[in-house]
Amino acid sequence: MPLKDLTKADQELVLQCLRAITDGEIEDWEFQTRLGITRLVVKRMIVEWPEVDDEVENSDGFLAINNCMNEICHGIRLSPEEWALRFTQSRDAVTLAYKNWLRLGGQTHGGIR
C-alpha cells in the first residue's frame, strides 16, 4: 500500500491533510460533491490511522487520501496563520508528500477522483 511505504514524516502530513479537511475547511453541503466521499468516511480513516487501505483506486482509503491532499495542495487556500495551526511542515513539503504517495501507488497524476 502506498501509505505504508511513505516515510513517517510524509504519513503524518497525509494525516494532517485528512484532519484539516474534516475539521471544517469544506462545508457539509459541498463535502461529498468535492471529495466523492462523506465527512464520516474520512473521519473513520482518521480513527483507523494508520490502518488505511489505499491500494485500490476509488476505494474509500484511496479517495480519502487523494482527494483531501488534492484539496489542500490545489483547492482550498489557507492563510499562513491557518497553515501553521494545521500543519507541521510547509505547503511544498505537503505537495511533495502527495507526489510521493501518488508515485508509490503507480499514479502518474493527482486530482479529484
Protein backbone atom coordinates (compact mmCIF):
# COMPACT_ATOMS: atom_id res chain seq x y z
CA MET A 1 0.00 0.00 0.00
CA PRO A 2 1.37 3.41 -0.90
CA LEU A 3 0.58 4.90 2.52
CA LYS A 4 2.61 2.28 4.36
CA ASP A 5 5.55 2.87 2.01
CA LEU A 6 5.72 6.60 2.79
CA THR A 7 8.15 7.91 5.37
CA LYS A 8 6.69 8.51 8.82
CA ALA A 9 7.01 12.27 8.19
CA ASP A 10 5.01 12.01 4.96
CA GLN A 11 2.42 9.77 6.65
CA GLU A 12 1.98 12.46 9.30
CA LEU A 13 1.41 15.08 6.58
CA VAL A 14 -1.25 12.89 4.97
CA LEU A 15 -2.98 12.59 8.34
CA GLN A 16 -2.78 16.36 8.82
CA CYS A 17 -4.49 16.82 5.44
CA LEU A 18 -7.31 14.46 6.41
CA ARG A 19 -7.80 16.31 9.69
CA ALA A 20 -7.72 19.75 8.06
CA ILE A 21 -10.41 18.77 5.60
CA THR A 22 -12.67 17.09 8.16
CA ASP A 23 -12.26 19.92 10.66
CA GLY A 24 -14.38 22.19 8.52
CA GLU A 25 -12.35 23.60 5.65
CA ILE A 26 -15.14 22.41 3.35
CA GLU A 27 -18.79 22.97 4.23
CA ASP A 28 -21.03 19.95 4.87
CA TRP A 29 -23.31 20.73 1.93
CA GLU A 30 -20.42 20.51 -0.56
CA PHE A 31 -18.19 17.93 1.11
CA GLN A 32 -19.35 14.81 -0.74
CA THR A 33 -19.59 16.67 -4.05
CA ARG A 34 -16.00 17.91 -3.82
CA LEU A 35 -14.44 14.79 -2.30
CA GLY A 36 -16.53 11.94 -3.63
CA ILE A 37 -16.92 10.55 -0.09
CA THR A 38 -18.61 11.71 3.08
CA ARG A 39 -17.00 13.51 6.01
CA LEU A 40 -17.89 10.45 8.13
CA VAL A 41 -15.80 8.20 5.88
CA VAL A 42 -12.78 10.49 6.22
CA LYS A 43 -13.25 10.67 9.99
CA ARG A 44 -13.30 6.85 10.06
CA MET A 45 -9.94 6.85 8.23
CA ILE A 46 -8.51 9.14 10.92
CA VAL A 47 -9.74 6.82 13.70
CA GLU A 48 -8.31 3.77 11.93
CA TRP A 49 -4.99 5.51 11.18
CA PRO A 50 -2.57 4.19 10.01
CA GLU A 51 -4.54 1.07 9.08
CA VAL A 52 -5.99 2.61 5.92
CA ASP A 53 -6.33 0.51 2.78
CA ASP A 54 -5.42 2.88 -0.04
CA GLU A 55 -4.20 0.35 -2.58
CA VAL A 56 -7.30 0.13 -4.78
CA GLU A 57 -8.11 3.23 -6.79
CA ASN A 58 -11.55 4.60 -5.92
CA SER A 59 -11.67 2.72 -2.60
CA ASP A 60 -12.61 4.79 0.44
CA GLY A 61 -8.99 4.88 1.62
CA PHE A 62 -7.67 5.95 -1.77
CA LEU A 63 -10.35 8.61 -2.20
CA ALA A 64 -9.88 9.98 1.31
CA ILE A 65 -6.13 10.42 0.87
CA ASN A 66 -6.11 11.51 -2.76
CA ASN A 67 -8.98 13.93 -2.59
CA CYS A 68 -8.08 15.51 0.77
CA MET A 69 -4.47 16.01 -0.29
CA ASN A 70 -5.57 17.40 -3.64
CA GLU A 71 -7.86 19.91 -1.90
CA ILE A 72 -5.06 21.01 0.42
CA CYS A 73 -2.48 21.26 -2.38
CA HIS A 74 -4.67 22.68 -5.15
CA GLY A 75 -8.09 23.66 -3.81
CA ILE A 76 -8.63 25.50 -0.58
CA ARG A 77 -6.33 28.32 0.40
CA LEU A 78 -5.18 28.73 3.97
CA SER A 79 -3.55 31.87 5.33
CA PRO A 80 -0.03 31.41 6.72
CA GLU A 81 -1.51 31.60 10.21
CA GLU A 82 -4.12 28.91 9.47
CA TRP A 83 -1.45 26.76 7.83
CA ALA A 84 0.75 26.94 10.92
CA LEU A 85 -2.16 25.78 13.09
CA ARG A 86 -2.85 22.71 10.95
CA PHE A 87 0.49 21.64 9.51
CA THR A 88 3.95 20.95 10.89
CA GLN A 89 5.68 21.49 7.56
CA SER A 90 5.46 23.80 4.57
CA ARG A 91 2.99 23.66 1.70
CA ASP A 92 5.85 22.47 -0.53
CA ALA A 93 6.51 19.57 1.85
CA VAL A 94 2.82 18.58 1.76
CA THR A 95 2.82 18.77 -2.05
CA LEU A 96 5.92 16.58 -2.17
CA ALA A 97 4.30 14.06 0.19
CA TYR A 98 1.29 13.96 -2.14
CA LYS A 99 3.53 13.37 -5.15
CA ASN A 100 5.39 10.64 -3.27
CA TRP A 101 2.14 8.91 -2.35
CA LEU A 102 0.95 9.08 -5.95
CA ARG A 103 4.26 7.70 -7.26
CA LEU A 104 4.29 4.82 -4.77
CA GLY A 105 0.77 3.91 -5.84
CA GLY A 106 1.72 3.88 -9.51
CA GLN A 107 -0.26 7.04 -10.26
CA THR A 108 1.07 9.47 -12.82
CA HIS A 109 -1.09 12.42 -11.75
CA GLY A 110 -3.35 13.51 -8.92
CA GLY A 111 -6.63 15.33 -8.87
CA ILE A 112 -10.12 14.66 -7.62
CA ARG A 113 -11.33 11.15 -8.42
